[in-house]
Amino acid sequence: LATGAIAAGGTLGFLIPPSAGLVIYGIVT
């Protein structure tokens, strides 16, 4: 539970702005 919560919570950085994933997607598209 401890490691799963941290790993899952970390993925929010790819979605919540200023998301690096959204920046790259915006540049590519």
ModelCIF file with pLDDT and N, C-alpha, C, O atoms, coordinates in Angstrom:
data_MODEL
#
_entry.id   MODEL 
#
_entity.id                         1 
_entity.type                       polymer 
_entity.pdbx_number_of_molecules   1 
#
_entity_poly.entity_id                      1 
_entity_poly.type                           'polypeptide(L)' 
_entity_poly.nstd_linkage                   no 
_entity_poly.nstd_monomer                   no 
_entity_poly.pdbx_seq_one_letter_code       LATGAIAAGGTLGFLIPPSAGLVIYGIVT 
_entity_poly.pdbx_seq_one_letter_code_can   LATGAIAAGGTLGFLIPPSAGLVIYGIVT 
_entity_poly.pdbx_strand_id                 A 
#
loop_
_entity_poly_seq.entity_id 
_entity_poly_seq.num 
_entity_poly_seq.mon_id 
_entity_poly_seq.hetero 
1 1  LEU n 
1 2  ALA n 
1 3  THR n 
1 4  GLY n 
1 5  ALA n 
1 6  ILE n 
1 7  ALA n 
1 8  ALA n 
1 9  GLY n 
1 10 GLY n 
1 11 THR n 
1 12 LEU n 
1 13 GLY n 
1 14 PHE n 
1 15 LEU n 
1 16 ILE n 
1 17 PRO n 
1 18 PRO n 
1 19 SER n 
1 20 ALA n 
1 21 GLY n 
1 22 LEU n 
1 23 VAL n 
1 24 ILE n 
1 25 TYR n 
1 26 GLY n 
1 27 ILE n 
1 28 VAL n 
1 29 THR n 
#
_struct_asym.id          A 
_struct_asym.entity_id   1 
#
loop_
_ma_qa_metric.id 
_ma_qa_metric.mode 
_ma_qa_metric.name 
_ma_qa_metric.software_group_id 
_ma_qa_metric.type 
1 global pLDDT . pLDDT 
2 local  pLDDT . pLDDT 
#
_ma_qa_metric_global.metric_id      1 
_ma_qa_metric_global.metric_value   84.48 
_ma_qa_metric_global.model_id       1 
_ma_qa_metric_global.ordinal_id     1 
#
loop_
_ma_qa_metric_local.label_asym_id 
_ma_qa_metric_local.label_comp_id 
_ma_qa_metric_local.label_seq_id 
_ma_qa_metric_local.metric_id 
_ma_qa_metric_local.metric_value 
_ma_qa_metric_local.model_id 
_ma_qa_metric_local.ordinal_id 
A LEU 1  2 88.00 1 1  
A ALA 2  2 87.00 1 2  
A THR 3  2 87.00 1 3  
A GLY 4  2 88.00 1 4  
A ALA 5  2 88.00 1 5  
A ILE 6  2 88.00 1 6  
A ALA 7  2 87.00 1 7  
A ALA 8  2 88.00 1 8  
A GLY 9  2 87.00 1 9  
A GLY 10 2 84.00 1 10 
A THR 11 2 85.00 1 11 
A LEU 12 2 85.00 1 12 
A GLY 13 2 81.00 1 13 
A PHE 14 2 80.00 1 14 
A LEU 15 2 84.00 1 15 
A ILE 16 2 84.00 1 16 
A PRO 17 2 82.00 1 17 
A PRO 18 2 78.00 1 18 
A SER 19 2 80.00 1 19 
A ALA 20 2 80.00 1 20 
A GLY 21 2 83.00 1 21 
A LEU 22 2 87.00 1 22 
A VAL 23 2 84.00 1 23 
A ILE 24 2 83.00 1 24 
A TYR 25 2 87.00 1 25 
A GLY 26 2 87.00 1 26 
A ILE 27 2 82.00 1 27 
A VAL 28 2 81.00 1 28 
A THR 29 2 85.00 1 29 
#
loop_
_atom_site.group_PDB 
_atom_site.id 
_atom_site.type_symbol 
_atom_site.label_atom_id 
_atom_site.label_alt_id 
_atom_site.label_comp_id 
_atom_site.label_asym_id 
_atom_site.label_entity_id 
_atom_site.label_seq_id 
_atom_site.pdbx_PDB_ins_code 
_atom_site.Cartn_x 
_atom_site.Cartn_y 
_atom_site.Cartn_z 
_atom_site.occupancy 
_atom_site.B_iso_or_equiv 
_atom_site.pdbx_formal_charge 
_atom_site.auth_seq_id 
_atom_site.auth_comp_id 
_atom_site.auth_asym_id 
_atom_site.auth_atom_id 
_atom_site.pdbx_PDB_model_num 
ATOM 1   N N  . LEU A 1 1  ? 0.830  -1.204 0.000   1.00 88.00 ? 1  LEU A N  1 
ATOM 2   C CA . LEU A 1 1  ? 0.000  0.000  0.000   1.00 88.00 ? 1  LEU A CA 1 
ATOM 3   C C  . LEU A 1 1  ? 0.863  1.253  0.000   1.00 88.00 ? 1  LEU A C  1 
ATOM 4   O O  . LEU A 1 1  ? 0.582  2.202  -0.731  1.00 88.00 ? 1  LEU A O  1 
ATOM 5   N N  . ALA A 1 2  ? 1.908  1.261  0.812   1.00 87.00 ? 2  ALA A N  1 
ATOM 6   C CA . ALA A 1 2  ? 2.757  2.450  0.926   1.00 87.00 ? 2  ALA A CA 1 
ATOM 7   C C  . ALA A 1 2  ? 3.431  2.779  -0.404  1.00 87.00 ? 2  ALA A C  1 
ATOM 8   O O  . ALA A 1 2  ? 3.361  3.911  -0.882  1.00 87.00 ? 2  ALA A O  1 
ATOM 9   N N  . THR A 1 3  ? 4.080  1.785  -0.993  1.00 87.00 ? 3  THR A N  1 
ATOM 10  C CA . THR A 1 3  ? 4.792  2.041  -2.248  1.00 87.00 ? 3  THR A CA 1 
ATOM 11  C C  . THR A 1 3  ? 3.821  2.264  -3.406  1.00 87.00 ? 3  THR A C  1 
ATOM 12  O O  . THR A 1 3  ? 4.093  3.066  -4.299  1.00 87.00 ? 3  THR A O  1 
ATOM 13  N N  . GLY A 1 4  ? 2.683  1.552  -3.392  1.00 88.00 ? 4  GLY A N  1 
ATOM 14  C CA . GLY A 1 4  ? 1.688  1.732  -4.451  1.00 88.00 ? 4  GLY A CA 1 
ATOM 15  C C  . GLY A 1 4  ? 1.106  3.129  -4.448  1.00 88.00 ? 4  GLY A C  1 
ATOM 16  O O  . GLY A 1 4  ? 0.920  3.726  -5.509  1.00 88.00 ? 4  GLY A O  1 
ATOM 17  N N  . ALA A 1 5  ? 0.812  3.664  -3.255  1.00 88.00 ? 5  ALA A N  1 
ATOM 18  C CA . ALA A 1 5  ? 0.247  5.011  -3.164  1.00 88.00 ? 5  ALA A CA 1 
ATOM 19  C C  . ALA A 1 5  ? 1.227  6.056  -3.671  1.00 88.00 ? 5  ALA A C  1 
ATOM 20  O O  . ALA A 1 5  ? 0.830  6.996  -4.359  1.00 88.00 ? 5  ALA A O  1 
ATOM 21  N N  . ILE A 1 6  ? 2.500  5.901  -3.340  1.00 88.00 ? 6  ILE A N  1 
ATOM 22  C CA . ILE A 1 6  ? 3.503  6.886  -3.781  1.00 88.00 ? 6  ILE A CA 1 
ATOM 23  C C  . ILE A 1 6  ? 3.703  6.812  -5.292  1.00 88.00 ? 6  ILE A C  1 
ATOM 24  O O  . ILE A 1 6  ? 3.739  7.838  -5.971  1.00 88.00 ? 6  ILE A O  1 
ATOM 25  N N  . ALA A 1 7  ? 3.833  5.590  -5.814  1.00 87.00 ? 7  ALA A N  1 
ATOM 26  C CA . ALA A 1 7  ? 4.038  5.439  -7.261  1.00 87.00 ? 7  ALA A CA 1 
ATOM 27  C C  . ALA A 1 7  ? 2.842  5.965  -8.042  1.00 87.00 ? 7  ALA A C  1 
ATOM 28  O O  . ALA A 1 7  ? 3.014  6.625  -9.067  1.00 87.00 ? 7  ALA A O  1 
ATOM 29  N N  . ALA A 1 8  ? 1.625  5.678  -7.566  1.00 88.00 ? 8  ALA A N  1 
ATOM 30  C CA . ALA A 1 8  ? 0.419  6.155  -8.246  1.00 88.00 ? 8  ALA A CA 1 
ATOM 31  C C  . ALA A 1 8  ? 0.295  7.664  -8.123  1.00 88.00 ? 8  ALA A C  1 
ATOM 32  O O  . ALA A 1 8  ? -0.012 8.342  -9.103  1.00 88.00 ? 8  ALA A O  1 
ATOM 33  N N  . GLY A 1 9  ? 0.530  8.198  -6.932  1.00 87.00 ? 9  GLY A N  1 
ATOM 34  C CA . GLY A 1 9  ? 0.450  9.639  -6.745  1.00 87.00 ? 9  GLY A CA 1 
ATOM 35  C C  . GLY A 1 9  ? 1.442  10.383 -7.624  1.00 87.00 ? 9  GLY A C  1 
ATOM 36  O O  . GLY A 1 9  ? 1.151  11.472 -8.118  1.00 87.00 ? 9  GLY A O  1 
ATOM 37  N N  . GLY A 1 10 ? 2.611  9.793  -7.814  1.00 84.00 ? 10 GLY A N  1 
ATOM 38  C CA . GLY A 1 10 ? 3.612  10.435 -8.667  1.00 84.00 ? 10 GLY A CA 1 
ATOM 39  C C  . GLY A 1 10 ? 3.165  10.588 -10.102 1.00 84.00 ? 10 GLY A C  1 
ATOM 40  O O  . GLY A 1 10 ? 3.579  11.528 -10.780 1.00 84.00 ? 10 GLY A O  1 
ATOM 41  N N  . THR A 1 11 ? 2.319  9.674  -10.586 1.00 85.00 ? 11 THR A N  1 
ATOM 42  C CA . THR A 1 11 ? 1.873  9.765  -11.977 1.00 85.00 ? 11 THR A CA 1 
ATOM 43  C C  . THR A 1 11 ? 1.048  11.017 -12.237 1.00 85.00 ? 11 THR A C  1 
ATOM 44  O O  . THR A 1 11 ? 0.897  11.430 -13.387 1.00 85.00 ? 11 THR A O  1 
ATOM 45  N N  . LEU A 1 12 ? 0.507  11.631 -11.176 1.00 85.00 ? 12 LEU A N  1 
ATOM 46  C CA . LEU A 1 12 ? -0.304 12.837 -11.353 1.00 85.00 ? 12 LEU A CA 1 
ATOM 47  C C  . LEU A 1 12 ? 0.510  13.966 -11.977 1.00 85.00 ? 12 LEU A C  1 
ATOM 48  O O  . LEU A 1 12 ? -0.057 14.884 -12.568 1.00 85.00 ? 12 LEU A O  1 
ATOM 49  N N  . GLY A 1 13 ? 1.832  13.906 -11.850 1.00 81.00 ? 13 GLY A N  1 
ATOM 50  C CA . GLY A 1 13 ? 2.675  14.928 -12.455 1.00 81.00 ? 13 GLY A CA 1 
ATOM 51  C C  . GLY A 1 13 ? 2.611  14.942 -13.963 1.00 81.00 ? 13 GLY A C  1 
ATOM 52  O O  . GLY A 1 13 ? 2.992  15.928 -14.593 1.00 81.00 ? 13 GLY A O  1 
ATOM 53  N N  . PHE A 1 14 ? 2.132  13.855 -14.554 1.00 80.00 ? 14 PHE A N  1 
ATOM 54  C CA . PHE A 1 14 ? 2.020  13.776 -16.014 1.00 80.00 ? 14 PHE A CA 1 
ATOM 55  C C  . PHE A 1 14 ? 0.721  14.397 -16.506 1.00 80.00 ? 14 PHE A C  1 
ATOM 56  O O  . PHE A 1 14 ? 0.564  14.641 -17.703 1.00 80.00 ? 14 PHE A O  1 
ATOM 57  N N  . LEU A 1 15 ? -0.229 14.659 -15.576 1.00 84.00 ? 15 LEU A N  1 
ATOM 58  C CA . LEU A 1 15 ? -1.542 15.166 -15.968 1.00 84.00 ? 15 LEU A CA 1 
ATOM 59  C C  . LEU A 1 15 ? -1.835 16.553 -15.406 1.00 84.00 ? 15 LEU A C  1 
ATOM 60  O O  . LEU A 1 15 ? -2.280 17.442 -16.131 1.00 84.00 ? 15 LEU A O  1 
ATOM 61  N N  . ILE A 1 16 ? -1.587 16.730 -14.116 1.00 84.00 ? 16 ILE A N  1 
ATOM 62  C CA . ILE A 1 16 ? -1.901 18.013 -13.491 1.00 84.00 ? 16 ILE A CA 1 
ATOM 63  C C  . ILE A 1 16 ? -0.958 19.088 -14.021 1.00 84.00 ? 16 ILE A C  1 
ATOM 64  O O  . ILE A 1 16 ? 0.259  18.908 -13.979 1.00 84.00 ? 16 ILE A O  1 
ATOM 65  N N  . PRO A 1 17 ? -1.493 20.201 -14.519 1.00 82.00 ? 17 PRO A N  1 
ATOM 66  C CA . PRO A 1 17 ? -0.624 21.251 -15.038 1.00 82.00 ? 17 PRO A CA 1 
ATOM 67  C C  . PRO A 1 17 ? 0.248  21.838 -13.923 1.00 82.00 ? 17 PRO A C  1 
ATOM 68  O O  . PRO A 1 17 ? -0.209 21.995 -12.791 1.00 82.00 ? 17 PRO A O  1 
ATOM 69  N N  . PRO A 1 18 ? 1.507  22.162 -14.248 1.00 78.00 ? 18 PRO A N  1 
ATOM 70  C CA . PRO A 1 18 ? 2.130  22.218 -15.575 1.00 78.00 ? 18 PRO A CA 1 
ATOM 71  C C  . PRO A 1 18 ? 2.709  20.882 -16.003 1.00 78.00 ? 18 PRO A C  1 
ATOM 72  O O  . PRO A 1 18 ? 3.889  20.612 -15.777 1.00 78.00 ? 18 PRO A O  1 
ATOM 73  N N  . SER A 1 19 ? 1.897  20.056 -16.613 1.00 80.00 ? 19 SER A N  1 
ATOM 74  C CA . SER A 1 19 ? 2.274  18.706 -17.000 1.00 80.00 ? 19 SER A CA 1 
ATOM 75  C C  . SER A 1 19 ? 3.274  18.692 -18.148 1.00 80.00 ? 19 SER A C  1 
ATOM 76  O O  . SER A 1 19 ? 3.037  19.284 -19.201 1.00 80.00 ? 19 SER A O  1 
ATOM 77  N N  . ALA A 1 20 ? 4.402  18.005 -17.930 1.00 80.00 ? 20 ALA A N  1 
ATOM 78  C CA . ALA A 1 20 ? 5.383  17.862 -19.013 1.00 80.00 ? 20 ALA A CA 1 
ATOM 79  C C  . ALA A 1 20 ? 4.786  17.063 -20.164 1.00 80.00 ? 20 ALA A C  1 
ATOM 80  O O  . ALA A 1 20 ? 5.099  17.319 -21.327 1.00 80.00 ? 20 ALA A O  1 
ATOM 81  N N  . GLY A 1 21 ? 3.922  16.088 -19.842 1.00 83.00 ? 21 GLY A N  1 
ATOM 82  C CA . GLY A 1 21 ? 3.274  15.299 -20.892 1.00 83.00 ? 21 GLY A CA 1 
ATOM 83  C C  . GLY A 1 21 ? 2.386  16.151 -21.778 1.00 83.00 ? 21 GLY A C  1 
ATOM 84  O O  . GLY A 1 21 ? 2.391  15.989 -22.998 1.00 83.00 ? 21 GLY A O  1 
ATOM 85  N N  . LEU A 1 22 ? 1.614  17.067 -21.173 1.00 87.00 ? 22 LEU A N  1 
ATOM 86  C CA . LEU A 1 22 ? 0.750  17.946 -21.964 1.00 87.00 ? 22 LEU A CA 1 
ATOM 87  C C  . LEU A 1 22 ? 1.565  18.945 -22.779 1.00 87.00 ? 22 LEU A C  1 
ATOM 88  O O  . LEU A 1 22 ? 1.174  19.309 -23.888 1.00 87.00 ? 22 LEU A O  1 
ATOM 89  N N  . VAL A 1 23 ? 2.688  19.385 -22.237 1.00 84.00 ? 23 VAL A N  1 
ATOM 90  C CA . VAL A 1 23 ? 3.561  20.304 -22.990 1.00 84.00 ? 23 VAL A CA 1 
ATOM 91  C C  . VAL A 1 23 ? 4.086  19.614 -24.242 1.00 84.00 ? 23 VAL A C  1 
ATOM 92  O O  . VAL A 1 23 ? 4.021  20.175 -25.336 1.00 84.00 ? 23 VAL A O  1 
ATOM 93  N N  . ILE A 1 24 ? 4.606  18.396 -24.085 1.00 83.00 ? 24 ILE A N  1 
ATOM 94  C CA . ILE A 1 24 ? 5.146  17.660 -25.233 1.00 83.00 ? 24 ILE A CA 1 
ATOM 95  C C  . ILE A 1 24 ? 4.035  17.368 -26.239 1.00 83.00 ? 24 ILE A C  1 
ATOM 96  O O  . ILE A 1 24 ? 4.231  17.514 -27.445 1.00 83.00 ? 24 ILE A O  1 
ATOM 97  N N  . TYR A 1 25 ? 2.877  16.959 -25.745 1.00 87.00 ? 25 TYR A N  1 
ATOM 98  C CA . TYR A 1 25 ? 1.738  16.694 -26.634 1.00 87.00 ? 25 TYR A CA 1 
ATOM 99  C C  . TYR A 1 25 ? 1.367  17.959 -27.402 1.00 87.00 ? 25 TYR A C  1 
ATOM 100 O O  . TYR A 1 25 ? 1.109  17.901 -28.604 1.00 87.00 ? 25 TYR A O  1 
ATOM 101 N N  . GLY A 1 26 ? 1.339  19.099 -26.717 1.00 87.00 ? 26 GLY A N  1 
ATOM 102 C CA . GLY A 1 26 ? 1.001  20.353 -27.385 1.00 87.00 ? 26 GLY A CA 1 
ATOM 103 C C  . GLY A 1 26 ? 2.006  20.734 -28.455 1.00 87.00 ? 26 GLY A C  1 
ATOM 104 O O  . GLY A 1 26 ? 1.634  21.241 -29.513 1.00 87.00 ? 26 GLY A O  1 
ATOM 105 N N  . ILE A 1 27 ? 3.282  20.490 -28.181 1.00 82.00 ? 27 ILE A N  1 
ATOM 106 C CA . ILE A 1 27 ? 4.321  20.807 -29.169 1.00 82.00 ? 27 ILE A CA 1 
ATOM 107 C C  . ILE A 1 27 ? 4.206  19.888 -30.381 1.00 82.00 ? 27 ILE A C  1 
ATOM 108 O O  . ILE A 1 27 ? 4.287  20.346 -31.521 1.00 82.00 ? 27 ILE A O  1 
ATOM 109 N N  . VAL A 1 28 ? 4.017  18.589 -30.136 1.00 81.00 ? 28 VAL A N  1 
ATOM 110 C CA . VAL A 1 28 ? 3.949  17.621 -31.230 1.00 81.00 ? 28 VAL A CA 1 
ATOM 111 C C  . VAL A 1 28 ? 2.719  17.852 -32.106 1.00 81.00 ? 28 VAL A C  1 
ATOM 112 O O  . VAL A 1 28 ? 2.800  17.755 -33.330 1.00 81.00 ? 28 VAL A O  1 
ATOM 113 N N  . THR A 1 29 ? 1.575  18.160 -31.475 1.00 85.00 ? 29 THR A N  1 
ATOM 114 C CA . THR A 1 29 ? 0.328  18.317 -32.234 1.00 85.00 ? 29 THR A CA 1 
ATOM 115 C C  . THR A 1 29 ? 0.057  19.766 -32.619 1.00 85.00 ? 29 THR A C  1 
ATOM 116 O O  . THR A 1 29 ? -0.954 20.056 -33.259 1.00 85.00 ? 29 THR A O  1 
#
